Structures are given as C-alpha cells and as structure tokens.
Amino acid sequence: MTYVIAYISTAIIFFGLDFIWLGNVATGFYRSQLGDMMRERPDFAAAGAFYLVYIAGIVYFAVQPHLQNGTWFNAFVSGAILGLIAYGTYDMTNLATLKGWPLAMSLVDMAWGTVLTGTAAAIGLAITRKFAG
C-alpha cells in the first residue's frame, strides 16, 4: 500500500505543477521556440504513457529509497538528478539531431524537469510518510 500512496501522491504533485507550467507559464515560450514543430494540441496518449512510466521512475529512484531514513531534501536531490538526466536526455538528443532545435528550449526544459522532478519527489515522500506511516 505504501507504494500506491507514493505513486498517487507523487503523480498528483507532478501533474499539478506540470499542468500549471505547460498551461499557463511556458506555453508562449515553447511556441516561440518551436514554432511549426509544436502541435496545435498535444498527443495525450503519448503524454499519458510518459507520465505513467516517469512517475514510477520518480517513486523507484527518488521516493522509495528515502522512505525509511531519508529526508525530504534527500528525495529532492535524488529527484532533481533524475529530472536532469531524463529531461537532459530528451533535450540534448533533440539539440544534437534536429535542425533548428533551440538551445534556449533545451536549457529551460532541463531546468524545469530538474525542479519539477525534485519537488514531486520531496512532496511525494512527505505525503507518503504522512499517510502510510
């Protein structure tokens, strides 16, 4: 049951923050950087598949290892490292292989992925400890 609580709580935090980011804060920036490469509407199936797998990765690599003795800061750092690696893989691969992929897009997206993943891990850990004991 602990892992279910960890998954759900981490997912709620991750989705909530990413929804605010993508829906309100960064939409204009992404559109200005990507232009015609950006879809009119996201592919929700692809996004859903990413979220399902990525949340499991956050729980496995950043929440679960700190359930017994770690602190929220430990979870944040583990999550931030995971976020930098995951978002960095995507963004730097695009920078290396796609014509016109903007460096600014990669830097902003990697920073966001780092902060988002670290925050979701830290808060996910705190909520899991509160409700799972």
Protein backbone atom coordinates (compact mmCIF):
# COMPACT_ATOMS: atom_id res chain seq x y z
CA MET A 1 0.00 0.00 0.00
CA THR A 2 2.95 2.33 0.67
CA TYR A 3 3.99 2.26 -2.99
CA VAL A 4 0.44 3.00 -4.16
CA ILE A 5 0.31 6.04 -1.86
CA ALA A 6 3.75 7.12 -3.06
CA TYR A 7 2.75 6.76 -6.71
CA ILE A 8 -0.56 8.60 -6.36
CA SER A 9 0.80 11.42 -4.22
CA THR A 10 3.84 11.93 -6.45
CA ALA A 11 1.64 11.85 -9.55
CA ILE A 12 -0.76 14.46 -8.17
CA ILE A 13 2.09 16.85 -7.38
CA PHE A 14 3.85 16.23 -10.70
CA PHE A 15 0.65 16.59 -12.78
CA GLY A 16 -0.46 19.68 -10.89
CA LEU A 17 2.82 21.53 -11.26
CA ASP A 18 3.34 20.46 -14.87
CA PHE A 19 -0.23 21.47 -15.74
CA ILE A 20 0.39 24.95 -14.36
CA TRP A 21 3.75 25.17 -16.15
CA LEU A 22 2.56 23.90 -19.50
CA GLY A 23 -0.85 25.54 -19.40
CA ASN A 24 -0.01 28.97 -18.07
CA VAL A 25 3.66 29.75 -17.68
CA ALA A 26 5.59 28.20 -20.56
CA THR A 27 3.13 27.86 -23.43
CA GLY A 28 4.14 31.13 -25.08
CA PHE A 29 7.84 30.35 -24.62
CA TYR A 30 7.53 26.86 -26.12
CA ARG A 31 5.50 28.20 -29.05
CA SER A 32 8.06 30.96 -29.69
CA GLN A 33 10.93 28.47 -29.57
CA LEU A 34 9.38 25.58 -31.50
CA GLY A 35 7.14 27.40 -33.98
CA ASP A 36 5.66 24.98 -36.53
CA MET A 37 7.25 21.99 -34.80
CA MET A 38 4.71 22.33 -31.99
CA ARG A 39 1.36 20.56 -32.36
CA GLU A 40 -1.87 22.51 -32.10
CA ARG A 41 -2.98 20.02 -29.44
CA PRO A 42 -0.76 17.59 -27.56
CA ASP A 43 -0.85 13.87 -28.24
CA PHE A 44 -2.48 12.90 -24.95
CA ALA A 45 -1.82 9.17 -25.41
CA ALA A 46 1.92 9.78 -25.75
CA ALA A 47 1.88 12.23 -22.84
CA GLY A 48 -0.06 9.77 -20.70
CA ALA A 49 2.39 6.98 -21.44
CA PHE A 50 5.29 9.25 -20.46
CA TYR A 51 3.61 10.30 -17.21
CA LEU A 52 2.75 6.73 -16.17
CA VAL A 53 6.29 5.48 -16.65
CA TYR A 54 8.08 8.59 -15.41
CA ILE A 55 6.10 8.78 -12.15
CA ALA A 56 7.04 5.14 -11.50
CA GLY A 57 10.68 6.13 -12.04
CA ILE A 58 10.41 9.02 -9.58
CA VAL A 59 8.92 6.72 -6.93
CA TYR A 60 11.51 3.99 -7.55
CA PHE A 61 14.61 6.18 -7.75
CA ALA A 62 13.77 9.18 -5.55
CA VAL A 63 10.92 8.46 -3.13
CA GLN A 64 11.25 4.81 -2.12
CA PRO A 65 14.98 4.93 -1.26
CA HIS A 66 14.29 7.66 1.32
CA LEU A 67 11.13 6.28 2.97
CA GLN A 68 12.91 4.78 5.96
CA ASN A 69 15.68 7.19 6.88
CA GLY A 70 15.94 9.90 4.25
CA THR A 71 14.79 13.48 4.41
CA TRP A 72 12.67 15.49 2.02
CA PHE A 73 15.93 17.13 0.90
CA ASN A 74 17.42 13.71 0.04
CA ALA A 75 14.33 12.93 -2.04
CA PHE A 76 14.53 16.35 -3.70
CA VAL A 77 18.17 15.84 -4.69
CA SER A 78 17.54 12.31 -5.99
CA GLY A 79 14.54 13.56 -7.96
CA ALA A 80 16.41 16.57 -9.28
CA ILE A 81 19.23 14.37 -10.56
CA LEU A 82 16.72 12.04 -12.21
CA GLY A 83 14.95 15.03 -13.76
CA LEU A 84 18.18 16.49 -15.11
CA ILE A 85 19.16 13.13 -16.62
CA ALA A 86 15.74 12.37 -18.11
CA TYR A 87 14.92 15.81 -19.46
CA GLY A 88 18.55 16.29 -20.47
CA THR A 89 18.48 13.09 -22.50
CA TYR A 90 15.44 14.30 -24.40
CA ASP A 91 16.59 17.88 -24.88
CA MET A 92 20.23 17.26 -25.69
CA THR A 93 19.31 14.49 -28.13
CA ASN A 94 16.95 16.92 -29.87
CA LEU A 95 19.66 19.57 -29.88
CA ALA A 96 22.10 17.08 -31.41
CA THR A 97 19.79 15.63 -34.05
CA LEU A 98 17.09 18.12 -35.04
CA LYS A 99 17.66 21.10 -37.30
CA GLY A 100 16.50 24.29 -35.67
CA TRP A 101 16.11 22.88 -32.16
CA PRO A 102 16.83 25.94 -29.97
CA LEU A 103 19.43 25.81 -27.22
CA ALA A 104 17.23 28.05 -25.04
CA MET A 105 14.46 25.45 -25.26
CA SER A 106 16.80 22.74 -24.02
CA LEU A 107 18.14 24.83 -21.15
CA VAL A 108 14.72 25.94 -19.91
CA ASP A 109 13.18 22.49 -20.28
CA MET A 110 16.08 20.81 -18.47
CA ALA A 111 15.86 23.31 -15.63
CA TRP A 112 12.11 22.75 -15.37
CA GLY A 113 12.48 18.96 -15.41
CA THR A 114 15.09 19.18 -12.66
CA VAL A 115 12.97 21.37 -10.38
CA LEU A 116 9.70 19.59 -11.17
CA THR A 117 11.03 16.09 -10.55
CA GLY A 118 12.84 17.08 -7.37
CA THR A 119 9.79 18.86 -6.00
CA ALA A 120 7.42 15.99 -6.86
CA ALA A 121 9.79 13.52 -5.15
CA ALA A 122 10.16 15.61 -1.99
CA ILE A 123 6.46 16.29 -1.57
CA GLY A 124 5.58 12.75 -2.62
CA LEU A 125 7.86 11.47 0.15
CA ALA A 126 6.29 13.77 2.75
CA ILE A 127 2.73 12.78 1.79
CA THR A 128 3.61 9.09 1.71
CA ARG A 129 5.11 9.24 5.18
CA LYS A 130 2.05 11.06 6.49
CA PHE A 131 -0.48 8.59 5.10
CA ALA A 132 1.49 5.33 5.03
CA GLY A 133 3.11 5.68 8.43
